[in-house]
Amino acid sequence: MGAQSGVLVKDARAIEEMNKVDTLIIDKTGTLTEGKPSLNAYKSFTDKTDLDILKLAASIDVNSEHTLANAIVAGAKENNVELLKLENFESVTGKGVKAILKGKKIGLGNHRLIAEFQATLTDEQKKLSEEWQSTGQTVMYLIVEQRVEGIVSVSDKIKKNSKSAIKSLQKMGIKVHMLTGDNKYTAKTVSDELGLDGFMYDCLPNDKYNKIIELQKQGHIIAMAGDGINDAPALEQANVGIAMGTGTDIAMQSAEITLVKGDLTGIVRARDLSLKVMRNIKQNLFFAFVYNSIGVPIAAGVLFPFFGILLSPIIAATAMSFSSVSVISNALRLRNK
């Protein structure tokens, strides 16, 4: 039933654990959003043109495999921008990317990369950045040596069914929290739009992992949903790891449940299936217990001294078969759920 509804279960234990989950941790990009960001805007802070900023940003990102980088490169190609050849490309986890152009160190990333380059933002640059972020855009800064020379933003649409899925999960008693590497303003915009129970921003992979450990120590049963390589440690640590089928292979290998269509409604279906499976198992255990608690003593002759009743082997075999048939028939009811 799980497979038919797009929920692939690798470990049967996960179905039992899903019944107990009280907190869901989710990533943003590719989990809550489409995971197909597009170039939104770009602006120069120097005498360079806006297109020069886009050219430099795309020239660095052409060597990156990140979805945000792909969006910038695609946007540059749409604007017929000819890319430059850079040297010593390096991807810095949780910060961005950097390289060397004509002996100068350049980078594209978030505020952590700005700090690494020992650069600073002016009040005007901060204001523009916050304006873009407050509309849900992800902002990256282009840094040359120790100077922020431009800004580039991409946007990623929220999946159509994310909001309804979150509401359904909350009605089931599950708290939904978003942990994202994105900035505070973008994270808050997404959280407010979806009605999440909480969010953390500027998260590195270890931050997600440590947050799950913290919640588990508080007695919470955690499910983690993500789609990227950075989510793998958190997926492994969670009581139930849930990978988006549209994400990376390593995320799916780290998770016990994979959602084929890669949307949150799959989590609702997994939770619903878990509740019904566990209910069915308890009913079956009850049936088996009743049959055996009645049949075994009679077959052992407990009534013979008082009533002279012994259980015929034929009746005993029939009762045992009926016990198995009733359990299997009850389990098959799940096909109609």
Protein backbone atom coordinates (compact mmCIF):
# COMPACT_ATOMS: atom_id res chain seq x y z
CA MET A 1 0.00 0.00 0.00
CA GLY A 2 2.89 2.30 0.73
CA ALA A 3 4.47 1.65 -2.65
CA GLN A 4 1.15 2.17 -4.43
CA SER A 5 0.77 5.57 -2.77
CA GLY A 6 4.35 6.67 -3.58
CA VAL A 7 5.88 5.84 -0.19
CA LEU A 8 8.82 3.41 -0.45
CA VAL A 9 9.72 1.83 2.90
CA LYS A 10 13.24 0.41 3.17
CA ASP A 11 13.04 -0.55 6.84
CA ALA A 12 9.83 -1.97 8.35
CA ARG A 13 10.81 -0.41 11.70
CA ALA A 14 10.17 3.00 10.14
CA ILE A 15 6.46 2.24 9.78
CA GLU A 16 6.21 1.57 13.52
CA GLU A 17 8.30 4.66 14.37
CA MET A 18 6.18 6.93 12.14
CA ASN A 19 3.26 6.12 14.44
CA LYS A 20 5.18 7.69 17.36
CA VAL A 21 6.68 10.77 15.64
CA ASP A 22 5.75 14.07 17.31
CA THR A 23 8.21 16.41 15.55
CA LEU A 24 9.07 16.77 11.87
CA ILE A 25 12.26 18.57 10.82
CA ILE A 26 12.33 19.69 7.19
CA ASP A 27 14.83 21.30 4.88
CA LYS A 28 13.68 24.18 2.65
CA THR A 29 15.17 23.90 -0.82
CA GLY A 30 13.87 20.86 -2.69
CA THR A 31 11.68 19.78 0.23
CA LEU A 32 9.30 22.68 0.87
CA THR A 33 10.18 24.34 -2.42
CA GLU A 34 10.33 23.01 -5.98
CA GLY A 35 14.10 22.71 -5.88
CA LYS A 36 14.23 24.44 -9.28
CA PRO A 37 15.38 27.97 -8.48
CA SER A 38 15.71 30.62 -11.17
CA LEU A 39 17.77 33.80 -11.45
CA ASN A 40 15.77 36.67 -10.06
CA ALA A 41 17.91 39.83 -9.89
CA TYR A 42 21.49 41.10 -9.89
CA LYS A 43 23.03 44.49 -9.11
CA SER A 44 26.45 46.11 -9.05
CA PHE A 45 27.76 48.17 -6.13
CA THR A 46 30.75 49.55 -8.10
CA ASP A 47 31.53 51.01 -11.52
CA LYS A 48 31.05 47.55 -13.01
CA THR A 49 27.78 47.03 -14.88
CA ASP A 50 25.06 44.77 -13.54
CA LEU A 51 25.83 42.30 -16.34
CA ASP A 52 29.49 42.27 -15.26
CA ILE A 53 28.36 41.12 -11.82
CA LEU A 54 26.25 38.36 -13.37
CA LYS A 55 29.19 37.34 -15.60
CA LEU A 56 31.54 36.98 -12.61
CA ALA A 57 28.95 35.14 -10.51
CA ALA A 58 28.15 32.66 -13.29
CA SER A 59 31.84 32.18 -14.10
CA ILE A 60 32.45 30.98 -10.53
CA ASP A 61 29.25 28.93 -10.28
CA VAL A 62 29.75 27.08 -13.57
CA ASN A 63 32.04 24.72 -11.62
CA SER A 64 29.51 24.14 -8.84
CA GLU A 65 26.85 21.41 -8.70
CA HIS A 66 24.53 23.31 -6.33
CA THR A 67 21.00 24.02 -7.61
CA LEU A 68 21.37 27.73 -6.84
CA ALA A 69 24.57 27.83 -8.88
CA ASN A 70 22.83 26.12 -11.80
CA ALA A 71 20.12 28.81 -11.68
CA ILE A 72 22.69 31.61 -11.94
CA VAL A 73 24.56 29.94 -14.80
CA ALA A 74 21.29 29.32 -16.66
CA GLY A 75 20.28 32.95 -16.14
CA ALA A 76 23.62 34.14 -17.54
CA LYS A 77 23.19 31.99 -20.64
CA GLU A 78 19.70 33.42 -21.18
CA ASN A 79 21.30 36.89 -21.14
CA ASN A 80 23.96 35.74 -23.65
CA VAL A 81 26.75 36.36 -21.13
CA GLU A 82 30.14 34.91 -22.10
CA LEU A 83 31.73 33.23 -19.09
CA LEU A 84 35.30 33.74 -17.91
CA LYS A 85 37.86 31.05 -17.13
CA LEU A 86 38.82 30.95 -13.44
CA GLU A 87 41.46 29.05 -11.48
CA ASN A 88 41.56 27.21 -8.15
CA PHE A 89 37.81 26.77 -7.79
CA GLU A 90 36.74 25.74 -4.27
CA SER A 91 33.34 25.04 -2.75
CA VAL A 92 33.09 26.01 0.92
CA THR A 93 30.31 24.15 2.76
CA GLY A 94 27.74 26.49 4.27
CA LYS A 95 29.41 29.58 2.81
CA GLY A 96 29.61 29.55 -0.98
CA VAL A 97 32.28 29.23 -3.66
CA LYS A 98 35.56 30.97 -4.42
CA ALA A 99 38.21 31.07 -7.15
CA ILE A 100 41.07 33.11 -8.59
CA LEU A 101 40.66 35.50 -11.54
CA LYS A 102 43.81 37.19 -12.91
CA GLY A 103 45.51 36.83 -9.54
CA LYS A 104 42.57 38.23 -7.58
CA LYS A 105 40.57 36.17 -5.11
CA ILE A 106 36.84 36.31 -5.81
CA GLY A 107 33.92 34.61 -4.12
CA LEU A 108 30.16 34.23 -4.27
CA GLY A 109 28.22 33.27 -1.17
CA ASN A 110 26.50 34.33 2.03
CA HIS A 111 27.49 36.50 4.99
CA ARG A 112 29.86 33.79 6.27
CA LEU A 113 31.91 34.08 3.07
CA ILE A 114 31.95 37.86 3.45
CA ALA A 115 33.50 37.39 6.90
CA GLU A 116 36.06 34.95 5.51
CA PHE A 117 37.12 37.54 2.89
CA GLN A 118 37.25 40.16 5.69
CA ALA A 119 34.82 42.34 3.74
CA THR A 120 31.85 44.34 5.06
CA LEU A 121 28.45 45.50 3.82
CA THR A 122 27.41 49.14 3.84
CA ASP A 123 24.08 50.13 5.35
CA GLU A 124 22.68 50.70 1.86
CA GLN A 125 23.80 47.26 0.71
CA LYS A 126 22.29 45.64 3.83
CA LYS A 127 18.99 47.42 3.21
CA LEU A 128 18.76 46.22 -0.41
CA SER A 129 19.71 42.70 0.63
CA GLU A 130 17.02 42.59 3.32
CA GLU A 131 14.42 43.94 0.89
CA TRP A 132 15.11 41.12 -1.54
CA GLN A 133 15.25 38.51 1.22
CA SER A 134 11.92 39.64 2.70
CA THR A 135 10.23 38.59 -0.55
CA GLY A 136 11.61 35.06 -0.24
CA GLN A 137 14.66 35.48 -2.48
CA THR A 138 17.98 33.84 -1.66
CA VAL A 139 20.73 36.45 -1.86
CA MET A 140 24.42 35.87 -2.65
CA TYR A 141 27.20 38.42 -2.52
CA LEU A 142 29.96 38.79 -5.11
CA ILE A 143 33.22 39.57 -3.33
CA VAL A 144 36.49 40.65 -4.97
CA GLU A 145 39.46 40.62 -2.59
CA GLN A 146 38.07 42.47 0.48
CA ARG A 147 35.20 44.29 -1.20
CA VAL A 148 31.58 43.34 -1.87
CA GLU A 149 31.10 44.42 -5.49
CA GLY A 150 27.64 43.11 -6.26
CA ILE A 151 24.64 41.07 -5.29
CA VAL A 152 22.76 38.25 -7.04
CA SER A 153 19.46 36.65 -6.02
CA VAL A 154 17.52 33.56 -7.02
CA SER A 155 14.01 32.48 -6.11
CA ASP A 156 12.51 29.04 -5.64
CA LYS A 157 8.73 28.55 -5.64
CA ILE A 158 7.08 26.77 -2.73
CA LYS A 159 5.48 23.50 -3.81
CA LYS A 160 1.75 23.82 -4.31
CA ASN A 161 0.82 21.14 -1.76
CA SER A 162 3.37 22.05 0.95
CA LYS A 163 0.97 24.24 2.92
CA SER A 164 -1.93 21.76 2.92
CA ALA A 165 0.42 18.89 3.83
CA ILE A 166 1.83 20.83 6.79
CA LYS A 167 -1.65 21.63 8.06
CA SER A 168 -2.61 17.95 7.82
CA LEU A 169 0.50 16.92 9.77
CA GLN A 170 -0.20 19.53 12.45
CA LYS A 171 -3.75 18.21 12.81
CA MET A 172 -2.18 14.79 13.46
CA GLY A 173 -0.33 16.34 16.41
CA ILE A 174 3.06 16.73 14.70
CA LYS A 175 5.10 19.92 15.19
CA VAL A 176 6.78 21.01 11.95
CA HIS A 177 10.10 22.91 12.08
CA MET A 178 12.23 24.12 9.16
CA LEU A 179 16.03 24.06 9.38
CA THR A 180 17.64 25.84 6.44
CA GLY A 181 20.99 27.21 5.41
CA ASP A 182 19.22 30.25 3.99
CA ASN A 183 19.15 33.69 5.61
CA LYS A 184 16.87 34.89 8.41
CA TYR A 185 14.51 36.99 6.27
CA THR A 186 13.93 34.38 3.56
CA ALA A 187 13.43 31.67 6.19
CA LYS A 188 10.91 33.81 8.09
CA THR A 189 8.98 34.63 4.90
CA VAL A 190 8.65 30.93 4.05
CA SER A 191 7.81 29.99 7.65
CA ASP A 192 5.07 32.63 7.91
CA GLU A 193 3.56 31.67 4.56
CA LEU A 194 3.36 27.98 5.48
CA GLY A 195 2.40 28.42 9.14
CA LEU A 196 5.33 26.41 10.52
CA ASP A 197 5.77 25.80 14.26
CA GLY A 198 9.33 27.11 14.15
CA PHE A 199 12.45 27.59 12.02
CA MET A 200 16.21 27.93 12.22
CA TYR A 201 18.28 29.78 9.61
CA ASP A 202 21.95 29.89 8.55
CA CYS A 203 22.18 26.17 9.40
CA LEU A 204 25.25 24.15 8.53
CA PRO A 205 24.85 20.36 8.11
CA ASN A 206 26.12 19.81 11.67
CA ASP A 207 23.56 22.30 13.02
CA LYS A 208 20.70 20.15 11.71
CA TYR A 209 22.33 17.02 13.11
CA ASN A 210 22.89 18.60 16.54
CA LYS A 211 19.36 20.03 16.69
CA ILE A 212 17.90 16.56 16.17
CA ILE A 213 20.08 15.15 18.95
CA GLU A 214 18.96 18.00 21.24
CA LEU A 215 15.28 17.30 20.58
CA GLN A 216 15.76 13.54 21.04
CA LYS A 217 17.35 14.15 24.44
CA GLN A 218 14.19 16.09 25.35
CA GLY A 219 12.18 12.93 24.64
CA HIS A 220 10.86 13.81 21.17
CA ILE A 221 10.51 11.24 18.39
CA ILE A 222 11.92 12.94 15.29
CA ALA A 223 11.31 12.49 11.59
CA MET A 224 13.66 14.36 9.25
CA ALA A 225 12.79 15.14 5.63
CA GLY A 226 15.45 16.34 3.20
CA ASP A 227 16.82 15.87 -0.30
CA GLY A 228 20.47 16.87 -0.39
CA ILE A 229 23.93 15.57 0.49
CA ASN A 230 24.06 18.04 3.39
CA ASP A 231 20.93 16.43 4.88
CA ALA A 232 22.44 12.92 5.04
CA PRO A 233 23.85 13.14 8.63
CA ALA A 234 20.52 14.46 9.97
CA LEU A 235 18.53 11.83 8.05
CA GLU A 236 20.73 9.12 9.57
CA GLN A 237 20.36 10.47 13.13
CA ALA A 238 16.58 10.99 13.07
CA ASN A 239 14.27 8.26 14.37
CA VAL A 240 12.80 8.19 10.87
CA GLY A 241 14.70 9.57 7.88
CA ILE A 242 12.52 10.62 4.94
CA ALA A 243 14.16 11.40 1.58
CA MET A 244 12.63 13.16 -1.40
CA GLY A 245 12.68 10.90 -4.45
CA THR A 246 13.67 13.95 -6.49
CA GLY A 247 16.81 14.49 -4.39
CA THR A 248 20.29 12.99 -4.23
CA ASP A 249 21.13 9.28 -4.04
CA ILE A 250 23.06 9.69 -0.79
CA ALA A 251 20.01 11.23 0.89
CA MET A 252 17.86 8.29 -0.16
CA GLN A 253 20.50 5.81 1.04
CA SER A 254 20.56 7.51 4.46
CA ALA A 255 16.76 7.42 4.87
CA GLU A 256 14.34 4.62 5.76
CA ILE A 257 11.48 6.10 3.75
CA THR A 258 11.62 7.62 0.26
CA LEU A 259 8.82 9.72 -1.20
CA VAL A 260 8.64 8.94 -4.92
CA LYS A 261 7.04 12.24 -5.94
CA GLY A 262 9.16 14.26 -3.55
CA ASP A 263 6.35 16.23 -1.91
CA LEU A 264 5.20 16.50 1.70
CA THR A 265 1.82 14.86 1.06
CA GLY A 266 3.83 11.63 0.99
CA ILE A 267 4.67 12.17 4.68
CA VAL A 268 0.96 12.52 5.43
CA ARG A 269 0.32 9.23 3.63
CA ALA A 270 3.22 7.54 5.46
CA ARG A 271 1.89 8.71 8.82
CA ASP A 272 -1.65 7.60 7.96
CA LEU A 273 -0.41 4.21 6.78
CA SER A 274 1.62 3.81 9.98
CA LEU A 275 -1.40 4.52 12.18
CA LYS A 276 -3.55 2.00 10.30
CA VAL A 277 -0.86 -0.68 10.14
CA MET A 278 -0.16 -0.49 13.88
CA ARG A 279 -3.88 -0.55 14.67
CA ASN A 280 -4.24 -3.61 12.45
CA ILE A 281 -1.31 -5.36 14.11
CA LYS A 282 -2.81 -4.81 17.57
CA GLN A 283 -6.18 -6.17 16.39
CA ASN A 284 -4.44 -9.26 14.97
CA LEU A 285 -2.53 -9.83 18.20
CA PHE A 286 -5.81 -9.57 20.10
CA PHE A 287 -7.51 -12.12 17.83
CA ALA A 288 -4.59 -14.55 18.14
CA PHE A 289 -4.45 -14.11 21.91
CA VAL A 290 -8.19 -14.75 22.33
CA TYR A 291 -8.13 -17.88 20.17
CA ASN A 292 -5.13 -19.32 21.96
CA SER A 293 -6.21 -18.34 25.47
CA ILE A 294 -9.48 -20.23 24.92
CA GLY A 295 -8.38 -23.05 22.65
CA VAL A 296 -5.10 -24.14 24.25
CA PRO A 297 -6.49 -24.82 27.79
CA ILE A 298 -9.42 -26.76 26.36
CA ALA A 299 -7.09 -28.77 24.13
CA ALA A 300 -4.95 -29.45 27.23
CA GLY A 301 -8.00 -30.94 28.96
CA VAL A 302 -8.70 -28.29 31.58
CA LEU A 303 -12.49 -28.88 31.27
CA PHE A 304 -12.30 -32.69 31.25
CA PRO A 305 -12.30 -33.20 35.06
CA PHE A 306 -15.44 -31.07 35.44
CA PHE A 307 -17.46 -31.59 32.26
CA GLY A 308 -15.76 -34.44 30.50
CA ILE A 309 -15.03 -32.21 27.52
CA LEU A 310 -11.99 -32.83 25.32
CA LEU A 311 -11.21 -30.85 22.17
CA SER A 312 -11.24 -33.00 19.05
CA PRO A 313 -8.04 -32.73 17.00
CA ILE A 314 -10.21 -31.98 13.97
CA ILE A 315 -11.95 -29.09 15.74
CA ALA A 316 -8.62 -27.88 17.09
CA ALA A 317 -7.08 -27.87 13.61
CA THR A 318 -10.13 -26.07 12.21
CA ALA A 319 -10.03 -23.44 14.97
CA MET A 320 -6.30 -22.89 14.39
CA SER A 321 -6.88 -22.44 10.67
CA PHE A 322 -9.76 -20.08 11.33
CA SER A 323 -7.50 -18.06 13.62
CA SER A 324 -4.97 -17.64 10.81
CA VAL A 325 -7.68 -16.83 8.25
CA SER A 326 -9.22 -14.15 10.49
CA VAL A 327 -5.82 -12.50 11.07
CA ILE A 328 -4.96 -12.51 7.35
CA SER A 329 -8.44 -11.27 6.39
CA ASN A 330 -8.13 -8.42 8.85
CA ALA A 331 -4.71 -7.49 7.47
CA LEU A 332 -6.06 -7.51 3.91
CA ARG A 333 -8.50 -4.76 4.87
CA LEU A 334 -5.56 -2.38 4.49
CA ARG A 335 -5.85 -2.82 0.73
CA ASN A 336 -9.00 -0.74 0.81
CA LYS A 337 -7.57 2.12 2.90
